[in-house]
Amino acid sequence: MTDFNVKAETWDDDPIKVKRAKLIAEHISKTIKGLSHVNAMEYGAGTGLLSFKLMPFLDNVLLVDTSEGMLSIAKNKINSNNYSKVETLKADFLIDPLPTRKFNLIFSLMTLHHITELDKILHIFYSLMENDSYLFVADLVKEDGSFHGKGFSGHNGFDLDELKELLLQTGFKNIDSQIVMEIEKYRDNELKKYPLFLMSGQK
């Protein structure tokens, strides 16, 4: 059982995770509420916190995650609320088959820093998107490695200029970013603040 499978049962009990999903959803909704249809995918969806906050603006959404435990919680919420427009998919797009359909909205929250092959996953996102569609990624600004601590093999946040350049090289345009909140954690008896950004781009 992976770490995220262990955490799944209590994931939605954390008010900070609920707050950040709500905040990111509010920012994304400002852009997509004018679209005539929204065929969406959330990558690294976990229990679907962000997608469920965006539900009023989505025609359908595919929740993709590598954790069966997280998706099990998401499925329970789907069944409890009779969400017919929500599907789940257990997959790692770096190694598993990709969806055959296209999306006009792809988003992720606190997922990119876990993916070492960043260039590859961004190209995959681009390939799954319709023209004139939107990508939103919310994640940590570059930090000193203390957010996760020793043993973490992903990215210690991102330099926003470097990530913007990578999105441009992938083919995205109209890149925009902003700091939307700070995550607070105690590290060595000191309260540290980790800024969370939201970056968007268009195909």
N, C-alpha and C. Protein backbone atom coordinates (compact mmCIF):
# COMPACT_ATOMS: atom_id res chain seq x y z
N MET A 1 0.85 -1.21 0.00
CA MET A 1 0.00 0.00 0.00
C MET A 1 0.88 1.25 0.00
N THR A 2 0.60 2.17 -0.91
CA THR A 2 1.40 3.37 -1.00
C THR A 2 1.04 4.35 0.10
N ASP A 3 1.87 5.35 0.26
CA ASP A 3 1.64 6.38 1.27
C ASP A 3 0.31 7.07 1.04
N PHE A 4 -0.02 7.36 -0.24
CA PHE A 4 -1.28 8.05 -0.53
C PHE A 4 -2.48 7.15 -0.29
N ASN A 5 -2.33 5.86 -0.47
CA ASN A 5 -3.42 4.95 -0.13
C ASN A 5 -3.69 4.98 1.37
N VAL A 6 -2.63 5.06 2.16
CA VAL A 6 -2.77 5.13 3.61
C VAL A 6 -3.47 6.43 4.02
N LYS A 7 -3.12 7.52 3.36
CA LYS A 7 -3.65 8.84 3.71
C LYS A 7 -5.07 9.09 3.21
N ALA A 8 -5.54 8.25 2.30
CA ALA A 8 -6.80 8.52 1.61
C ALA A 8 -7.99 8.67 2.54
N GLU A 9 -8.08 7.81 3.55
CA GLU A 9 -9.26 7.78 4.42
C GLU A 9 -9.48 9.10 5.15
N THR A 10 -8.40 9.80 5.47
CA THR A 10 -8.53 11.05 6.24
C THR A 10 -8.17 12.28 5.43
N TRP A 11 -7.95 12.11 4.13
CA TRP A 11 -7.49 13.22 3.29
C TRP A 11 -8.44 14.41 3.34
N ASP A 12 -9.72 14.14 3.22
CA ASP A 12 -10.71 15.23 3.18
C ASP A 12 -10.99 15.85 4.54
N ASP A 13 -10.42 15.29 5.60
CA ASP A 13 -10.63 15.83 6.95
C ASP A 13 -9.73 17.01 7.25
N ASP A 14 -8.73 17.24 6.40
CA ASP A 14 -7.78 18.32 6.61
C ASP A 14 -8.37 19.64 6.09
N PRO A 15 -8.68 20.60 6.97
CA PRO A 15 -9.30 21.85 6.51
C PRO A 15 -8.41 22.66 5.57
N ILE A 16 -7.09 22.49 5.67
CA ILE A 16 -6.17 23.21 4.79
C ILE A 16 -6.32 22.70 3.36
N LYS A 17 -6.43 21.39 3.20
CA LYS A 17 -6.60 20.82 1.85
C LYS A 17 -7.94 21.25 1.25
N VAL A 18 -8.97 21.29 2.08
CA VAL A 18 -10.29 21.73 1.61
C VAL A 18 -10.24 23.20 1.22
N LYS A 19 -9.57 24.01 2.04
CA LYS A 19 -9.48 25.45 1.78
C LYS A 19 -8.75 25.72 0.47
N ARG A 20 -7.62 25.03 0.25
CA ARG A 20 -6.85 25.32 -0.95
C ARG A 20 -7.59 24.85 -2.21
N ALA A 21 -8.33 23.74 -2.12
CA ALA A 21 -9.12 23.29 -3.26
C ALA A 21 -10.20 24.33 -3.59
N LYS A 22 -10.85 24.85 -2.58
CA LYS A 22 -11.89 25.86 -2.78
C LYS A 22 -11.30 27.13 -3.40
N LEU A 23 -10.14 27.54 -2.92
CA LEU A 23 -9.51 28.76 -3.41
C LEU A 23 -9.07 28.61 -4.86
N ILE A 24 -8.44 27.49 -5.18
CA ILE A 24 -8.01 27.25 -6.56
C ILE A 24 -9.22 27.16 -7.47
N ALA A 25 -10.28 26.51 -7.03
CA ALA A 25 -11.50 26.40 -7.83
C ALA A 25 -12.08 27.77 -8.13
N GLU A 26 -12.05 28.66 -7.17
CA GLU A 26 -12.58 30.01 -7.38
C GLU A 26 -11.80 30.73 -8.48
N HIS A 27 -10.49 30.56 -8.47
CA HIS A 27 -9.65 31.21 -9.49
C HIS A 27 -9.89 30.60 -10.87
N ILE A 28 -9.94 29.28 -10.96
CA ILE A 28 -10.16 28.62 -12.25
C ILE A 28 -11.53 28.96 -12.81
N SER A 29 -12.54 29.02 -11.94
CA SER A 29 -13.91 29.26 -12.40
C SER A 29 -14.06 30.62 -13.07
N LYS A 30 -13.25 31.59 -12.68
CA LYS A 30 -13.32 32.92 -13.30
C LYS A 30 -13.01 32.85 -14.79
N THR A 31 -12.16 31.90 -15.18
CA THR A 31 -11.78 31.76 -16.58
C THR A 31 -12.76 30.89 -17.35
N ILE A 32 -13.22 29.80 -16.75
CA ILE A 32 -13.99 28.81 -17.51
C ILE A 32 -15.49 29.03 -17.49
N LYS A 33 -15.98 29.92 -16.64
CA LYS A 33 -17.44 30.07 -16.52
C LYS A 33 -18.09 30.60 -17.79
N GLY A 34 -17.30 31.18 -18.68
CA GLY A 34 -17.85 31.69 -19.92
C GLY A 34 -17.82 30.68 -21.06
N LEU A 35 -17.24 29.52 -20.84
CA LEU A 35 -17.15 28.50 -21.88
C LEU A 35 -18.50 27.81 -22.09
N SER A 36 -18.81 27.49 -23.33
CA SER A 36 -20.10 26.86 -23.64
C SER A 36 -20.14 25.41 -23.17
N HIS A 37 -19.00 24.76 -23.16
CA HIS A 37 -18.92 23.40 -22.62
C HIS A 37 -17.54 23.21 -22.00
N VAL A 38 -17.46 22.39 -20.98
CA VAL A 38 -16.17 22.13 -20.33
C VAL A 38 -16.02 20.62 -20.16
N ASN A 39 -15.17 20.06 -20.99
CA ASN A 39 -14.81 18.65 -20.92
C ASN A 39 -13.46 18.58 -20.22
N ALA A 40 -13.45 18.22 -18.95
CA ALA A 40 -12.28 18.43 -18.09
C ALA A 40 -11.61 17.14 -17.65
N MET A 41 -10.33 17.29 -17.28
CA MET A 41 -9.59 16.21 -16.66
C MET A 41 -8.74 16.78 -15.53
N GLU A 42 -8.78 16.13 -14.37
CA GLU A 42 -7.88 16.50 -13.28
C GLU A 42 -6.85 15.39 -13.14
N TYR A 43 -5.59 15.77 -13.25
CA TYR A 43 -4.50 14.79 -13.13
C TYR A 43 -3.91 14.88 -11.72
N GLY A 44 -3.81 13.71 -11.08
CA GLY A 44 -3.43 13.69 -9.67
C GLY A 44 -4.60 14.15 -8.83
N ALA A 45 -5.79 13.66 -9.17
CA ALA A 45 -7.02 14.17 -8.58
C ALA A 45 -7.22 13.80 -7.12
N GLY A 46 -6.55 12.74 -6.65
CA GLY A 46 -6.77 12.32 -5.27
C GLY A 46 -8.22 11.94 -5.04
N THR A 47 -8.82 12.52 -4.02
CA THR A 47 -10.22 12.24 -3.69
C THR A 47 -11.18 13.13 -4.47
N GLY A 48 -10.64 13.96 -5.36
CA GLY A 48 -11.50 14.81 -6.20
C GLY A 48 -11.90 16.12 -5.57
N LEU A 49 -11.21 16.54 -4.53
CA LEU A 49 -11.60 17.78 -3.84
C LEU A 49 -11.75 18.96 -4.79
N LEU A 50 -10.76 19.17 -5.64
CA LEU A 50 -10.80 20.33 -6.54
C LEU A 50 -11.89 20.17 -7.59
N SER A 51 -11.98 19.00 -8.19
CA SER A 51 -12.99 18.79 -9.23
C SER A 51 -14.40 18.97 -8.70
N PHE A 52 -14.67 18.48 -7.49
CA PHE A 52 -16.01 18.61 -6.94
C PHE A 52 -16.35 20.06 -6.63
N LYS A 53 -15.34 20.87 -6.29
CA LYS A 53 -15.58 22.30 -6.10
C LYS A 53 -15.91 22.99 -7.42
N LEU A 54 -15.41 22.43 -8.53
CA LEU A 54 -15.64 23.02 -9.85
C LEU A 54 -16.87 22.46 -10.56
N MET A 55 -17.55 21.52 -9.94
CA MET A 55 -18.65 20.80 -10.58
C MET A 55 -19.69 21.70 -11.25
N PRO A 56 -20.07 22.85 -10.67
CA PRO A 56 -21.09 23.69 -11.32
C PRO A 56 -20.67 24.19 -12.70
N PHE A 57 -19.38 24.16 -13.00
CA PHE A 57 -18.87 24.72 -14.25
C PHE A 57 -18.46 23.65 -15.26
N LEU A 58 -18.57 22.36 -14.89
CA LEU A 58 -18.08 21.28 -15.73
C LEU A 58 -19.22 20.48 -16.35
N ASP A 59 -19.09 20.17 -17.63
CA ASP A 59 -20.05 19.28 -18.27
C ASP A 59 -19.71 17.83 -17.94
N ASN A 60 -18.42 17.53 -17.89
CA ASN A 60 -17.95 16.22 -17.43
C ASN A 60 -16.50 16.34 -17.02
N VAL A 61 -16.05 15.41 -16.18
CA VAL A 61 -14.67 15.45 -15.70
C VAL A 61 -14.16 14.04 -15.46
N LEU A 62 -12.92 13.83 -15.85
CA LEU A 62 -12.23 12.56 -15.61
C LEU A 62 -11.21 12.77 -14.50
N LEU A 63 -11.36 12.02 -13.41
CA LEU A 63 -10.42 12.09 -12.29
C LEU A 63 -9.35 11.02 -12.48
N VAL A 64 -8.11 11.45 -12.66
CA VAL A 64 -7.01 10.52 -12.90
C VAL A 64 -6.06 10.55 -11.71
N ASP A 65 -5.71 9.38 -11.20
CA ASP A 65 -4.76 9.29 -10.10
C ASP A 65 -4.11 7.91 -10.12
N THR A 66 -2.94 7.81 -9.48
CA THR A 66 -2.25 6.52 -9.40
C THR A 66 -2.64 5.74 -8.15
N SER A 67 -3.36 6.38 -7.24
CA SER A 67 -3.70 5.77 -5.95
C SER A 67 -5.12 5.19 -5.98
N GLU A 68 -5.21 3.89 -5.84
CA GLU A 68 -6.52 3.24 -5.77
C GLU A 68 -7.29 3.69 -4.55
N GLY A 69 -6.57 3.92 -3.43
CA GLY A 69 -7.22 4.37 -2.20
C GLY A 69 -7.88 5.72 -2.36
N MET A 70 -7.17 6.67 -2.99
CA MET A 70 -7.74 7.99 -3.24
C MET A 70 -8.96 7.90 -4.15
N LEU A 71 -8.83 7.14 -5.22
CA LEU A 71 -9.95 7.04 -6.17
C LEU A 71 -11.14 6.32 -5.57
N SER A 72 -10.89 5.43 -4.61
CA SER A 72 -11.99 4.75 -3.93
C SER A 72 -12.85 5.75 -3.15
N ILE A 73 -12.18 6.71 -2.49
CA ILE A 73 -12.91 7.76 -1.78
C ILE A 73 -13.68 8.62 -2.77
N ALA A 74 -13.04 8.95 -3.89
CA ALA A 74 -13.71 9.76 -4.92
C ALA A 74 -14.95 9.04 -5.45
N LYS A 75 -14.82 7.73 -5.70
CA LYS A 75 -15.96 6.96 -6.21
C LYS A 75 -17.11 6.94 -5.21
N ASN A 76 -16.79 6.86 -3.93
CA ASN A 76 -17.84 6.91 -2.90
C ASN A 76 -18.61 8.22 -2.97
N LYS A 77 -17.88 9.31 -3.17
CA LYS A 77 -18.54 10.62 -3.27
C LYS A 77 -19.37 10.73 -4.55
N ILE A 78 -18.85 10.14 -5.62
CA ILE A 78 -19.59 10.15 -6.89
C ILE A 78 -20.91 9.40 -6.73
N ASN A 79 -20.84 8.23 -6.11
CA ASN A 79 -22.05 7.41 -5.93
C ASN A 79 -23.03 8.05 -4.96
N SER A 80 -22.51 8.64 -3.89
CA SER A 80 -23.37 9.25 -2.88
C SER A 80 -24.15 10.44 -3.43
N ASN A 81 -23.52 11.15 -4.37
CA ASN A 81 -24.14 12.35 -4.92
C ASN A 81 -24.73 12.15 -6.31
N ASN A 82 -24.69 10.90 -6.80
CA ASN A 82 -25.22 10.59 -8.13
C ASN A 82 -24.63 11.49 -9.21
N TYR A 83 -23.30 11.65 -9.17
CA TYR A 83 -22.62 12.48 -10.16
C TYR A 83 -22.41 11.66 -11.44
N SER A 84 -23.32 11.77 -12.37
CA SER A 84 -23.23 11.00 -13.60
C SER A 84 -22.16 11.52 -14.55
N LYS A 85 -21.72 12.75 -14.34
CA LYS A 85 -20.76 13.34 -15.28
C LYS A 85 -19.31 13.22 -14.79
N VAL A 86 -19.06 12.39 -13.79
CA VAL A 86 -17.72 12.21 -13.25
C VAL A 86 -17.27 10.76 -13.44
N GLU A 87 -16.07 10.59 -14.01
CA GLU A 87 -15.47 9.26 -14.15
C GLU A 87 -14.11 9.25 -13.46
N THR A 88 -13.62 8.06 -13.15
CA THR A 88 -12.30 7.93 -12.55
C THR A 88 -11.43 7.01 -13.41
N LEU A 89 -10.14 7.22 -13.34
CA LEU A 89 -9.18 6.40 -14.07
C LEU A 89 -7.91 6.27 -13.25
N LYS A 90 -7.54 5.04 -12.92
CA LYS A 90 -6.27 4.78 -12.24
C LYS A 90 -5.18 4.66 -13.29
N ALA A 91 -4.29 5.64 -13.33
CA ALA A 91 -3.28 5.64 -14.38
C ALA A 91 -2.12 6.56 -14.02
N ASP A 92 -0.97 6.21 -14.54
CA ASP A 92 0.21 7.06 -14.55
C ASP A 92 0.52 7.29 -16.02
N PHE A 93 0.29 8.49 -16.50
CA PHE A 93 0.40 8.76 -17.93
C PHE A 93 1.81 8.60 -18.47
N LEU A 94 2.80 8.52 -17.60
CA LEU A 94 4.17 8.30 -18.07
C LEU A 94 4.39 6.87 -18.51
N ILE A 95 3.53 5.95 -18.05
CA ILE A 95 3.71 4.54 -18.38
C ILE A 95 2.44 3.85 -18.87
N ASP A 96 1.27 4.39 -18.58
CA ASP A 96 0.00 3.75 -18.93
C ASP A 96 -0.61 4.36 -20.19
N PRO A 97 -1.53 3.65 -20.82
CA PRO A 97 -2.22 4.19 -22.00
C PRO A 97 -2.96 5.49 -21.66
N LEU A 98 -3.02 6.37 -22.64
CA LEU A 98 -3.67 7.66 -22.45
C LEU A 98 -5.14 7.58 -22.85
N PRO A 99 -5.97 8.48 -22.32
CA PRO A 99 -7.37 8.54 -22.77
C PRO A 99 -7.43 8.80 -24.28
N THR A 100 -8.46 8.30 -24.92
CA THR A 100 -8.61 8.48 -26.37
C THR A 100 -9.33 9.78 -26.71
N ARG A 101 -10.02 10.36 -25.73
CA ARG A 101 -10.73 11.60 -26.02
C ARG A 101 -9.89 12.82 -25.64
N LYS A 102 -10.31 13.97 -26.15
CA LYS A 102 -9.61 15.22 -25.89
C LYS A 102 -10.37 16.04 -24.85
N PHE A 103 -9.64 16.99 -24.23
CA PHE A 103 -10.21 17.83 -23.18
C PHE A 103 -9.98 19.30 -23.52
N ASN A 104 -10.87 20.17 -23.04
CA ASN A 104 -10.62 21.60 -23.20
C ASN A 104 -10.28 22.27 -21.87
N LEU A 105 -10.12 21.44 -20.83
CA LEU A 105 -9.63 21.93 -19.54
C LEU A 105 -8.90 20.78 -18.84
N ILE A 106 -7.64 21.02 -18.51
CA ILE A 106 -6.86 20.08 -17.70
C ILE A 106 -6.30 20.85 -16.52
N PHE A 107 -6.41 20.28 -15.33
CA PHE A 107 -5.88 20.97 -14.16
C PHE A 107 -5.29 19.99 -13.16
N SER A 108 -4.40 20.50 -12.33
CA SER A 108 -3.79 19.68 -11.28
C SER A 108 -3.47 20.57 -10.09
N LEU A 109 -3.50 19.97 -8.93
CA LEU A 109 -3.21 20.69 -7.68
C LEU A 109 -2.23 19.87 -6.85
N MET A 110 -1.07 20.43 -6.60
CA MET A 110 -0.03 19.79 -5.78
C MET A 110 0.35 18.41 -6.33
N THR A 111 0.43 18.34 -7.66
CA THR A 111 0.78 17.08 -8.32
C THR A 111 2.11 17.16 -9.05
N LEU A 112 2.37 18.26 -9.75
CA LEU A 112 3.56 18.35 -10.60
C LEU A 112 4.86 18.10 -9.84
N HIS A 113 4.93 18.54 -8.58
CA HIS A 113 6.21 18.38 -7.87
C HIS A 113 6.53 16.92 -7.56
N HIS A 114 5.56 16.03 -7.74
CA HIS A 114 5.81 14.59 -7.56
C HIS A 114 6.29 13.93 -8.85
N ILE A 115 6.22 14.64 -9.99
CA ILE A 115 6.53 14.05 -11.29
C ILE A 115 7.92 14.50 -11.74
N THR A 116 8.85 13.56 -11.79
CA THR A 116 10.23 13.91 -12.13
C THR A 116 10.37 14.28 -13.61
N GLU A 117 9.64 13.59 -14.49
CA GLU A 117 9.72 13.85 -15.93
C GLU A 117 8.72 14.94 -16.32
N LEU A 118 9.04 16.15 -15.89
CA LEU A 118 8.12 17.27 -16.06
C LEU A 118 7.88 17.61 -17.52
N ASP A 119 8.93 17.64 -18.31
CA ASP A 119 8.80 17.97 -19.73
C ASP A 119 7.88 16.97 -20.43
N LYS A 120 8.02 15.71 -20.09
CA LYS A 120 7.21 14.66 -20.73
C LYS A 120 5.74 14.79 -20.37
N ILE A 121 5.43 15.03 -19.10
CA ILE A 121 4.02 15.09 -18.70
C ILE A 121 3.34 16.32 -19.29
N LEU A 122 4.07 17.44 -19.43
CA LEU A 122 3.49 18.63 -20.04
C LEU A 122 3.18 18.39 -21.52
N HIS A 123 4.05 17.67 -22.21
CA HIS A 123 3.78 17.34 -23.61
C HIS A 123 2.58 16.40 -23.73
N ILE A 124 2.44 15.50 -22.76
CA ILE A 124 1.28 14.61 -22.74
C ILE A 124 0.00 15.41 -22.54
N PHE A 125 0.01 16.33 -21.58
CA PHE A 125 -1.15 17.20 -21.38
C PHE A 125 -1.51 17.91 -22.69
N TYR A 126 -0.50 18.48 -23.33
CA TYR A 126 -0.72 19.24 -24.56
C TYR A 126 -1.37 18.36 -25.63
N SER A 127 -0.91 17.12 -25.72
CA SER A 127 -1.44 16.20 -26.74
C SER A 127 -2.89 15.81 -26.47
N LEU A 128 -3.33 15.92 -25.22
CA LEU A 128 -4.69 15.54 -24.85
C LEU A 128 -5.68 16.70 -24.93
N MET A 129 -5.19 17.87 -25.33
CA MET A 129 -6.03 19.06 -25.29
C MET A 129 -6.53 19.48 -26.67
N GLU A 130 -7.76 19.95 -26.69
CA GLU A 130 -8.31 20.56 -27.90
C GLU A 130 -7.65 21.92 -28.11
N ASN A 131 -7.82 22.49 -29.30
CA ASN A 131 -7.36 23.86 -29.52
C ASN A 131 -8.20 24.83 -28.70
N ASP A 132 -7.60 25.94 -28.31
CA ASP A 132 -8.26 26.97 -27.51
C ASP A 132 -8.71 26.42 -26.15
N SER A 133 -7.94 25.52 -25.60
CA SER A 133 -8.26 24.94 -24.29
C SER A 133 -7.29 25.48 -23.23
N TYR A 134 -7.57 25.13 -21.98
CA TYR A 134 -6.83 25.71 -20.87
C TYR A 134 -6.16 24.64 -20.00
N LEU A 135 -4.95 24.96 -19.57
CA LEU A 135 -4.24 24.16 -18.57
C LEU A 135 -4.02 25.02 -17.33
N PHE A 136 -4.34 24.48 -16.16
CA PHE A 136 -4.08 25.14 -14.88
C PHE A 136 -3.27 24.19 -14.00
N VAL A 137 -2.16 24.69 -13.48
CA VAL A 137 -1.38 23.89 -12.52
C VAL A 137 -1.15 24.74 -11.27
N ALA A 138 -1.48 24.15 -10.14
CA ALA A 138 -1.25 24.81 -8.86
C ALA A 138 -0.23 23.98 -8.09
N ASP A 139 0.81 24.65 -7.60
CA ASP A 139 1.86 23.90 -6.92
C ASP A 139 2.73 24.84 -6.10
N LEU A 140 3.79 24.29 -5.53
CA LEU A 140 4.66 25.04 -4.64
C LEU A 140 5.68 25.87 -5.40
N VAL A 141 5.89 27.08 -4.94
CA VAL A 141 7.03 27.88 -5.40
C VAL A 141 8.30 27.20 -4.87
N LYS A 142 9.38 27.34 -5.61
CA LYS A 142 10.66 26.70 -5.24
C LYS A 142 10.99 26.94 -3.78
N GLU A 143 11.29 25.84 -3.07
CA GLU A 143 11.57 25.92 -1.63
C GLU A 143 12.83 25.14 -1.29
N ASP A 144 13.22 25.15 -0.03
CA ASP A 144 14.51 24.59 0.38
C ASP A 144 14.52 23.09 0.62
N GLY A 145 13.43 22.43 0.30
CA GLY A 145 13.37 20.99 0.49
C GLY A 145 12.76 20.57 1.81
N SER A 146 12.43 21.54 2.64
CA SER A 146 11.89 21.21 3.96
C SER A 146 10.40 20.89 3.94
N PHE A 147 9.72 21.19 2.84
CA PHE A 147 8.27 20.92 2.79
C PHE A 147 8.00 19.44 2.97
N HIS A 148 8.70 18.61 2.22
CA HIS A 148 8.53 17.16 2.34
C HIS A 148 9.58 16.54 3.27
N GLY A 149 10.75 17.14 3.32
CA GLY A 149 11.81 16.59 4.16
C GLY A 149 12.67 15.56 3.43
N LYS A 150 13.53 14.90 4.17
CA LYS A 150 14.48 13.95 3.60
C LYS A 150 13.77 12.76 2.96
N GLY A 151 14.35 12.28 1.88
CA GLY A 151 13.81 11.10 1.21
C GLY A 151 12.85 11.40 0.08
N PHE A 152 12.46 12.66 -0.08
CA PHE A 152 11.54 13.02 -1.16
C PHE A 152 12.32 13.11 -2.47
N SER A 153 11.82 12.46 -3.52
CA SER A 153 12.56 12.36 -4.78
C SER A 153 12.02 13.26 -5.88
N GLY A 154 11.00 14.07 -5.58
CA GLY A 154 10.42 14.93 -6.60
C GLY A 154 11.07 16.30 -6.64
N HIS A 155 10.32 17.30 -7.09
CA HIS A 155 10.81 18.67 -7.19
C HIS A 155 10.52 19.41 -5.89
N ASN A 156 11.47 20.21 -5.44
CA ASN A 156 11.25 21.07 -4.27
C ASN A 156 10.62 22.38 -4.73
N GLY A 157 9.41 22.28 -5.26
CA GLY A 157 8.73 23.44 -5.80
C GLY A 157 9.31 23.83 -7.15
N PHE A 158 8.87 24.98 -7.66
CA PHE A 158 9.26 25.40 -9.01
C PHE A 158 9.61 26.88 -9.06
N ASP A 159 10.64 27.19 -9.84
CA ASP A 159 10.93 28.57 -10.21
C ASP A 159 9.91 28.95 -11.27
N LEU A 160 9.13 30.00 -11.03
CA LEU A 160 8.01 30.34 -11.91
C LEU A 160 8.47 30.74 -13.31
N ASP A 161 9.60 31.42 -13.43
CA ASP A 161 10.10 31.79 -14.75
C ASP A 161 10.53 30.55 -15.53
N GLU A 162 11.17 29.61 -14.85
CA GLU A 162 11.60 28.38 -15.52
C GLU A 162 10.40 27.54 -15.95
N LEU A 163 9.37 27.46 -15.11
CA LEU A 163 8.19 26.69 -15.46
C LEU A 163 7.45 27.36 -16.62
N LYS A 164 7.37 28.67 -16.61
CA LYS A 164 6.73 29.40 -17.71
C LYS A 164 7.45 29.10 -19.02
N GLU A 165 8.78 29.13 -18.99
CA GLU A 165 9.56 28.87 -20.19
C GLU A 165 9.32 27.45 -20.70
N LEU A 166 9.20 26.51 -19.79
CA LEU A 166 8.94 25.12 -20.17
C LEU A 166 7.56 24.98 -20.82
N LEU A 167 6.58 25.69 -20.29
CA LEU A 167 5.24 25.67 -20.89
C LEU A 167 5.27 26.28 -22.30
N LEU A 168 6.02 27.36 -22.47
CA LEU A 168 6.14 27.99 -23.78
C LEU A 168 6.81 27.06 -24.77
N GLN A 169 7.86 26.38 -24.32
CA GLN A 169 8.57 25.44 -25.19
C GLN A 169 7.67 24.26 -25.58
N THR A 170 6.75 23.90 -24.71
CA THR A 170 5.82 22.81 -24.99
C THR A 170 4.80 23.21 -26.04
N GLY A 171 4.54 24.52 -26.15
CA GLY A 171 3.59 25.01 -27.13
C GLY A 171 2.47 25.85 -26.55
N PHE A 172 2.42 25.95 -25.23
CA PHE A 172 1.38 26.74 -24.59
C PHE A 172 1.63 28.23 -24.80
N LYS A 173 0.56 29.01 -24.76
CA LYS A 173 0.65 30.46 -24.94
C LYS A 173 -0.16 31.14 -23.83
N ASN A 174 -0.08 32.46 -23.81
CA ASN A 174 -0.82 33.27 -22.84
C ASN A 174 -0.62 32.76 -21.41
N ILE A 175 0.64 32.55 -21.04
CA ILE A 175 0.97 32.02 -19.71
C ILE A 175 0.74 33.11 -18.66
N ASP A 176 0.09 32.74 -17.60
CA ASP A 176 -0.15 33.67 -16.50
C ASP A 176 0.06 32.93 -15.18
N SER A 177 0.53 33.64 -14.17
CA SER A 177 0.72 32.99 -12.86
C SER A 177 0.50 33.99 -11.75
N GLN A 178 0.11 33.48 -10.61
CA GLN A 178 -0.08 34.30 -9.42
C GLN A 178 0.08 33.44 -8.17
N ILE A 179 0.48 34.07 -7.09
CA ILE A 179 0.54 33.40 -5.80
C ILE A 179 -0.85 33.48 -5.19
N VAL A 180 -1.41 32.35 -4.81
CA VAL A 180 -2.80 32.35 -4.34
C VAL A 180 -2.94 32.12 -2.83
N MET A 181 -1.93 31.51 -2.21
CA MET A 181 -2.00 31.31 -0.77
C MET A 181 -0.64 30.84 -0.26
N GLU A 182 -0.54 30.70 1.04
CA GLU A 182 0.66 30.14 1.66
C GLU A 182 0.27 28.94 2.52
N ILE A 183 1.04 27.89 2.44
CA ILE A 183 0.85 26.72 3.28
C ILE A 183 1.84 26.82 4.45
N GLU A 184 1.33 26.70 5.65
CA GLU A 184 2.18 26.83 6.83
C GLU A 184 2.46 25.46 7.44
N LYS A 185 3.74 25.23 7.76
CA LYS A 185 4.14 23.99 8.41
C LYS A 185 5.23 24.29 9.44
N TYR A 186 5.21 23.55 10.54
CA TYR A 186 6.28 23.67 11.52
C TYR A 186 7.43 22.76 11.13
N ARG A 187 8.60 23.34 11.02
CA ARG A 187 9.81 22.60 10.69
C ARG A 187 10.89 23.00 11.69
N ASP A 188 11.40 22.03 12.45
CA ASP A 188 12.42 22.30 13.48
C ASP A 188 11.95 23.40 14.43
N ASN A 189 10.71 23.25 14.90
CA ASN A 189 10.10 24.18 15.85
C ASN A 189 9.96 25.60 15.32
N GLU A 190 9.97 25.73 14.01
CA GLU A 190 9.82 27.05 13.37
C GLU A 190 8.67 26.98 12.37
N LEU A 191 7.81 27.99 12.40
CA LEU A 191 6.71 28.06 11.45
C LEU A 191 7.23 28.59 10.12
N LYS A 192 7.15 27.75 9.10
CA LYS A 192 7.61 28.14 7.77
C LYS A 192 6.41 28.30 6.84
N LYS A 193 6.53 29.22 5.91
CA LYS A 193 5.47 29.47 4.96
C LYS A 193 5.93 29.11 3.55
N TYR A 194 5.09 28.34 2.86
CA TYR A 194 5.40 27.87 1.52
C TYR A 194 4.35 28.42 0.55
N PRO A 195 4.74 29.37 -0.30
CA PRO A 195 3.77 29.95 -1.25
C PRO A 195 3.28 28.91 -2.25
N LEU A 196 2.02 29.02 -2.58
CA LEU A 196 1.38 28.15 -3.57
C LEU A 196 0.97 29.02 -4.75
N PHE A 197 1.40 28.63 -5.96
CA PHE A 197 1.08 29.42 -7.15
C PHE A 197 0.03 28.71 -8.00
N LEU A 198 -0.62 29.48 -8.85
CA LEU A 198 -1.50 28.94 -9.88
C LEU A 198 -1.01 29.49 -11.21
N MET A 199 -0.63 28.60 -12.12
CA MET A 199 -0.16 29.01 -13.44
C MET A 199 -1.11 28.45 -14.50
N SER A 200 -1.42 29.26 -15.48
CA SER A 200 -2.32 28.84 -16.54
C SER A 200 -1.68 29.09 -17.90
N GLY A 201 -2.16 28.31 -18.87
CA GLY A 201 -1.71 28.48 -20.24
C GLY A 201 -2.78 27.98 -21.19
N GLN A 202 -2.68 28.37 -22.44
CA GLN A 202 -3.65 27.95 -23.45
C GLN A 202 -2.96 27.21 -24.59
N LYS A 203 -3.68 26.26 -25.17
CA LYS A 203 -3.20 25.61 -26.38
C LYS A 203 -3.82 26.33 -27.58
